[in-house]
Amino acid sequence: MKKLICIMFLCSSIGGFFSINALTTPPADAYFIDGIASVIYSDEKTDIIPFSEAQRPSLDGTMRSLSDREFEILVYNDGGRHGVSEDVDKYLERIQRENNLTQEQIGIMFKSAGYTFEEGKQQLGIMKTVNQLIEFKVMARLIVPEKDIIAYYEANPVYLEPEYYLERTVVPFSRKQTKAALTKDIEALVQSNSDFADKSWSSPFWIKESEIAEDKQFVLTLDINQVSMPHELNNGFELFRLKDKKEERPQPLAERYMEIADILRRPKYKELLDEYREELFANSSIVHFETN
């Protein structure tokens, strides 16, 4: 049995549209406008994907293959069977409210993606339903056992760099002493382990080793509560005191737990998504067409 493909042509001599059998040779002055890329048959409805729609980017600008477009329709239809749907107008109102956008601004966003306002709204509803159903069908099944997370953590350690807890002060130049004499006095206090109680120290601050400037690398050699030797500035001598430090150490499991769980979910997510995709295509009837 021969299949008929309805293809739209524009004929310049006639000045109008007409449909012809794909097996019939069109007039020489006819121009191809659109055709059917595929037809998806289901118990509830029949979906037709024109070639123009199959080659159209999604609302977010992502290019899709015909297979991706078919999968989107299959998921959307499956969402209807599972009662996963949302009033598009209410959803759009919520987006406008949460992002402080006017309807005109939404329309401009749709237009920049190549959609009219009504087309964009329809596509938005499809995307929302598809995301909800994938969340239900795939994401809800992505359970990573804690033992796997711990095993990954132990096999792939991440080390935190050393950190230094410092105080800073500046001893201003004195009119009563030369710079050389003042330097000598400060150095003597440092060597005697003076606590410099009469100095106004800054609030202590943590700094990572990689963030310490090249001309301040001397702080790396300080012991706890040790004051650095004076370094001359424009207005006096700068001093640092090391209050505490953290050596290189493994990042705690608690800080990496969610990151590792996400890493371990990725291959499982692809596996479950592929399974769901294969299931939908296996349980559907799709006819593909080609143009010559």
Protein backbone atom coordinates (compact mmCIF):
# COMPACT_ATOMS: atom_id res chain seq x y z
CA MET A 1 0.00 0.00 0.00
CA LYS A 2 1.41 3.40 -0.98
CA LYS A 3 1.66 6.13 1.66
CA LEU A 4 0.60 9.62 0.66
CA ILE A 5 2.68 12.53 1.87
CA CYS A 6 1.00 15.90 1.93
CA ILE A 7 3.61 18.50 0.91
CA MET A 8 2.83 22.18 0.50
CA PHE A 9 4.22 24.01 -2.54
CA LEU A 10 3.95 27.59 -3.71
CA CYS A 11 3.51 27.96 -7.45
CA SER A 12 4.44 31.36 -8.83
CA SER A 13 2.40 31.05 -12.02
CA ILE A 14 -0.74 30.07 -10.15
CA GLY A 15 -0.03 32.37 -7.20
CA GLY A 16 -1.33 30.09 -4.47
CA PHE A 17 -0.86 27.02 -2.30
CA PHE A 18 -1.79 23.49 -3.21
CA SER A 19 -1.15 19.94 -1.91
CA ILE A 20 0.19 17.20 -4.09
CA ASN A 21 1.02 13.55 -3.73
CA ALA A 22 4.74 13.18 -2.95
CA LEU A 23 4.92 10.64 -5.76
CA THR A 24 3.75 13.28 -8.26
CA THR A 25 6.31 15.57 -9.88
CA PRO A 26 5.54 19.19 -8.93
CA PRO A 27 5.45 21.96 -11.57
CA ALA A 28 8.80 23.51 -12.45
CA ASP A 29 7.83 26.84 -10.87
CA ALA A 30 6.70 25.27 -7.58
CA TYR A 31 8.63 25.93 -4.37
CA PHE A 32 8.72 23.52 -1.43
CA ILE A 33 7.19 25.12 1.67
CA ASP A 34 6.78 22.35 4.20
CA GLY A 35 6.11 18.67 4.59
CA ILE A 36 5.57 15.96 7.14
CA ALA A 37 8.69 14.69 8.90
CA SER A 38 6.90 12.10 11.02
CA VAL A 39 3.53 11.06 12.37
CA ILE A 40 3.12 9.70 15.91
CA TYR A 41 0.10 7.45 16.44
CA SER A 42 -1.32 6.73 19.87
CA ASP A 43 -4.65 5.56 21.28
CA GLU A 44 -5.56 9.08 22.35
CA LYS A 45 -4.39 11.19 19.39
CA THR A 46 -2.22 11.53 16.34
CA ASP A 47 0.65 14.03 16.34
CA ILE A 48 2.12 15.35 13.11
CA ILE A 49 5.60 16.89 13.08
CA PRO A 50 6.25 19.09 10.02
CA PHE A 51 9.80 19.41 8.73
CA SER A 52 9.80 23.06 9.78
CA GLU A 53 8.94 22.07 13.37
CA ALA A 54 11.48 19.25 13.44
CA GLN A 55 14.27 21.72 12.61
CA ARG A 56 13.11 24.40 15.02
CA PRO A 57 15.19 25.16 18.15
CA SER A 58 13.52 24.71 21.53
CA LEU A 59 12.37 27.70 23.54
CA ASP A 60 15.76 27.90 25.28
CA GLY A 61 17.59 27.90 21.93
CA THR A 62 18.73 24.27 22.06
CA MET A 63 18.82 22.55 18.67
CA ARG A 64 16.83 19.30 18.61
CA SER A 65 16.92 16.31 16.34
CA LEU A 66 13.69 14.83 14.98
CA SER A 67 14.11 12.01 17.49
CA ASP A 68 14.37 14.55 20.33
CA ARG A 69 11.20 16.28 19.14
CA GLU A 70 9.39 12.95 18.98
CA PHE A 71 10.58 12.07 22.47
CA GLU A 72 9.29 15.41 23.76
CA ILE A 73 5.85 14.70 22.30
CA LEU A 74 5.84 11.13 23.64
CA VAL A 75 6.73 12.36 27.15
CA TYR A 76 4.13 15.13 26.95
CA ASN A 77 1.46 12.62 25.94
CA ASP A 78 2.58 10.27 28.70
CA GLY A 79 2.20 13.18 31.11
CA GLY A 80 -1.43 13.48 30.08
CA ARG A 81 -1.96 9.80 30.86
CA HIS A 82 -0.43 10.30 34.32
CA GLY A 83 -2.36 13.49 35.01
CA VAL A 84 0.85 15.55 34.94
CA SER A 85 -0.18 18.90 33.53
CA GLU A 86 -0.53 22.52 34.55
CA ASP A 87 -2.61 25.48 33.48
CA VAL A 88 -0.20 27.28 31.16
CA ASP A 89 -1.72 30.69 31.85
CA LYS A 90 -1.26 30.27 35.60
CA TYR A 91 2.27 28.97 35.08
CA LEU A 92 3.10 31.97 32.90
CA GLU A 93 1.63 34.33 35.49
CA ARG A 94 3.82 32.74 38.16
CA ILE A 95 6.93 33.18 35.99
CA GLN A 96 6.04 36.84 35.42
CA ARG A 97 5.44 37.41 39.14
CA GLU A 98 8.58 35.63 40.36
CA ASN A 99 10.82 37.36 37.80
CA ASN A 100 9.03 40.73 37.80
CA LEU A 101 8.34 40.56 34.05
CA THR A 102 5.53 42.06 32.04
CA GLN A 103 3.63 40.11 29.41
CA GLU A 104 5.29 42.30 26.78
CA GLN A 105 8.74 41.31 28.07
CA ILE A 106 7.74 37.64 28.00
CA GLY A 107 6.59 38.14 24.40
CA ILE A 108 9.96 39.66 23.48
CA MET A 109 11.73 36.63 24.97
CA PHE A 110 9.50 34.29 22.94
CA LYS A 111 10.11 36.31 19.78
CA SER A 112 13.90 36.21 20.27
CA ALA A 113 13.62 32.40 20.38
CA GLY A 114 11.62 32.40 17.13
CA TYR A 115 8.14 31.89 18.60
CA THR A 116 4.97 33.92 18.54
CA PHE A 117 3.43 34.60 21.94
CA GLU A 118 0.89 31.77 21.60
CA GLU A 119 3.54 29.35 20.26
CA GLY A 120 5.88 30.28 23.10
CA LYS A 121 3.18 29.79 25.68
CA GLN A 122 2.32 26.38 24.24
CA GLN A 123 5.98 25.35 24.18
CA LEU A 124 6.39 26.57 27.76
CA GLY A 125 3.56 24.31 28.86
CA ILE A 126 5.08 21.35 27.02
CA MET A 127 8.49 21.95 28.61
CA LYS A 128 6.93 22.21 32.09
CA THR A 129 5.00 18.95 31.68
CA VAL A 130 8.02 17.14 30.23
CA ASN A 131 10.25 18.30 33.10
CA GLN A 132 7.65 17.26 35.67
CA LEU A 133 7.26 13.80 34.18
CA ILE A 134 11.00 13.19 33.89
CA GLU A 135 11.27 14.26 37.53
CA PHE A 136 8.59 11.69 38.37
CA LYS A 137 9.82 8.89 36.10
CA VAL A 138 13.60 9.33 36.37
CA MET A 139 14.77 11.68 39.12
CA ALA A 140 12.64 10.04 41.81
CA ARG A 141 14.46 6.75 41.16
CA LEU A 142 17.95 8.22 41.49
CA ILE A 143 18.79 6.92 44.93
CA VAL A 144 22.52 6.64 45.70
CA PRO A 145 23.38 4.37 48.67
CA GLU A 146 25.44 6.08 51.37
CA LYS A 147 28.02 3.29 51.23
CA ASP A 148 28.71 4.19 47.58
CA ILE A 149 29.17 7.85 48.51
CA ILE A 150 31.60 6.94 51.30
CA ALA A 151 33.51 4.58 49.01
CA TYR A 152 33.86 7.32 46.37
CA TYR A 153 34.93 9.83 49.03
CA GLU A 154 37.69 7.54 50.28
CA ALA A 155 38.88 6.63 46.78
CA ASN A 156 38.87 10.23 45.51
CA PRO A 157 40.11 12.51 48.31
CA VAL A 158 40.05 16.28 47.85
CA TYR A 159 42.49 18.24 49.98
CA LEU A 160 41.89 21.72 51.32
CA GLU A 161 44.86 24.04 51.09
CA PRO A 162 46.50 25.47 54.23
CA GLU A 163 44.85 28.54 55.77
CA TYR A 164 46.27 31.19 58.10
CA TYR A 165 44.46 33.20 60.78
CA LEU A 166 46.22 36.55 60.93
CA GLU A 167 46.13 39.91 62.66
CA ARG A 168 47.70 43.02 61.15
CA THR A 169 48.95 46.30 62.57
CA VAL A 170 51.02 49.24 61.40
CA VAL A 171 53.56 51.02 63.59
CA PRO A 172 53.66 54.61 62.27
CA PHE A 173 56.88 56.47 61.67
CA SER A 174 58.02 58.64 64.57
CA ARG A 175 59.39 62.17 64.47
CA LYS A 176 61.48 61.32 67.49
CA GLN A 177 63.23 58.34 65.86
CA THR A 178 64.83 57.63 62.56
CA LYS A 179 63.46 54.77 60.48
CA ALA A 180 66.59 52.78 61.23
CA ALA A 181 66.23 53.25 64.99
CA LEU A 182 62.51 52.43 64.93
CA THR A 183 63.17 49.33 62.86
CA LYS A 184 65.79 48.18 65.35
CA ASP A 185 63.40 48.67 68.29
CA ILE A 186 60.60 46.73 66.60
CA GLU A 187 62.91 43.88 65.60
CA ALA A 188 64.13 43.66 69.20
CA LEU A 189 60.52 43.37 70.43
CA VAL A 190 59.79 40.67 67.85
CA GLN A 191 62.87 38.67 68.83
CA SER A 192 61.96 38.92 72.50
CA ASN A 193 58.49 37.52 71.73
CA SER A 194 56.79 40.67 72.98
CA ASP A 195 53.00 40.52 72.83
CA PHE A 196 52.75 44.05 71.40
CA ALA A 197 49.80 44.66 73.72
CA ASP A 198 50.03 48.40 73.17
CA LYS A 199 49.44 48.03 69.42
CA SER A 200 46.05 48.25 67.73
CA TRP A 201 45.62 44.98 65.87
CA SER A 202 43.01 44.38 63.17
CA SER A 203 40.26 41.82 63.62
CA PRO A 204 41.71 38.36 62.88
CA PHE A 205 41.00 37.04 59.39
CA TRP A 206 41.46 33.71 57.62
CA ILE A 207 43.40 33.66 54.34
CA LYS A 208 44.23 30.73 52.08
CA GLU A 209 47.83 30.05 51.17
CA SER A 210 47.14 30.66 47.46
CA GLU A 211 45.70 34.10 48.29
CA ILE A 212 48.81 35.37 50.07
CA ALA A 213 50.73 37.89 47.98
CA GLU A 214 54.27 37.08 46.92
CA ASP A 215 55.76 39.81 49.12
CA LYS A 216 53.86 38.44 52.15
CA GLN A 217 55.06 34.84 51.89
CA PHE A 218 56.98 35.29 55.16
CA VAL A 219 53.74 34.68 57.08
CA LEU A 220 53.97 31.02 56.01
CA THR A 221 56.97 30.57 58.28
CA LEU A 222 55.40 32.08 61.42
CA ASP A 223 54.59 30.01 64.47
CA ILE A 224 51.36 30.44 66.40
CA ASN A 225 51.33 33.85 68.20
CA GLN A 226 54.60 34.83 66.52
CA VAL A 227 54.89 38.37 65.10
CA SER A 228 56.57 38.95 61.77
CA MET A 229 59.56 41.19 61.23
CA PRO A 230 58.62 44.76 60.23
CA HIS A 231 58.07 45.59 56.57
CA GLU A 232 58.19 49.22 55.54
CA LEU A 233 55.13 50.92 54.04
CA ASN A 234 54.54 54.55 53.05
CA ASN A 235 53.27 55.46 56.51
CA GLY A 236 55.05 53.06 58.84
CA PHE A 237 56.06 49.46 59.45
CA GLU A 238 53.59 46.62 58.84
CA LEU A 239 53.45 43.66 61.23
CA PHE A 240 51.49 40.40 61.11
CA ARG A 241 50.73 38.01 63.96
CA LEU A 242 49.70 34.41 63.33
CA LYS A 243 46.82 33.46 65.64
CA ASP A 244 46.04 30.04 64.21
CA LYS A 245 46.48 27.95 61.08
CA LYS A 246 45.03 24.93 59.33
CA GLU A 247 47.34 22.51 57.61
CA GLU A 248 46.43 20.79 54.36
CA ARG A 249 43.67 18.31 55.20
CA PRO A 250 40.98 16.24 53.45
CA GLN A 251 37.74 18.08 52.83
CA PRO A 252 35.13 16.67 55.24
CA LEU A 253 32.64 14.16 53.87
CA ALA A 254 29.75 16.36 55.00
CA GLU A 255 30.95 19.16 52.70
CA ARG A 256 31.29 16.85 49.69
CA TYR A 257 28.28 14.60 50.28
CA MET A 258 25.85 16.27 47.86
CA GLU A 259 28.54 16.83 45.22
CA ILE A 260 29.51 13.15 45.27
CA ALA A 261 25.86 12.08 45.20
CA ASP A 262 25.37 14.19 42.07
CA ILE A 263 28.47 12.68 40.44
CA LEU A 264 27.22 9.15 41.10
CA ARG A 265 23.71 10.02 39.89
CA ARG A 266 24.83 11.16 36.43
CA PRO A 267 25.43 7.75 34.83
CA LYS A 268 22.35 6.35 36.56
CA TYR A 269 20.29 9.30 35.30
CA LYS A 270 21.37 8.64 31.70
CA GLU A 271 20.65 4.93 32.11
CA LEU A 272 17.13 5.53 33.47
CA LEU A 273 16.38 8.24 30.90
CA ASP A 274 17.50 5.96 28.07
CA GLU A 275 15.29 3.18 29.46
CA TYR A 276 12.30 5.52 29.61
CA ARG A 277 13.01 6.78 26.08
CA GLU A 278 13.25 3.22 24.70
CA GLU A 279 10.02 2.28 26.48
CA LEU A 280 8.10 5.19 24.97
CA PHE A 281 9.38 4.57 21.44
CA ALA A 282 8.78 0.81 21.74
CA ASN A 283 5.16 1.40 22.76
CA SER A 284 4.43 3.94 20.03
CA SER A 285 3.84 3.83 16.31
CA ILE A 286 5.84 6.39 14.35
CA VAL A 287 5.98 6.81 10.58
CA HIS A 288 8.83 8.82 9.06
CA PHE A 289 8.80 10.57 5.70
CA GLU A 290 11.48 12.01 3.48
CA THR A 291 11.50 14.67 0.81
CA ASN A 292 13.24 14.29 -2.52
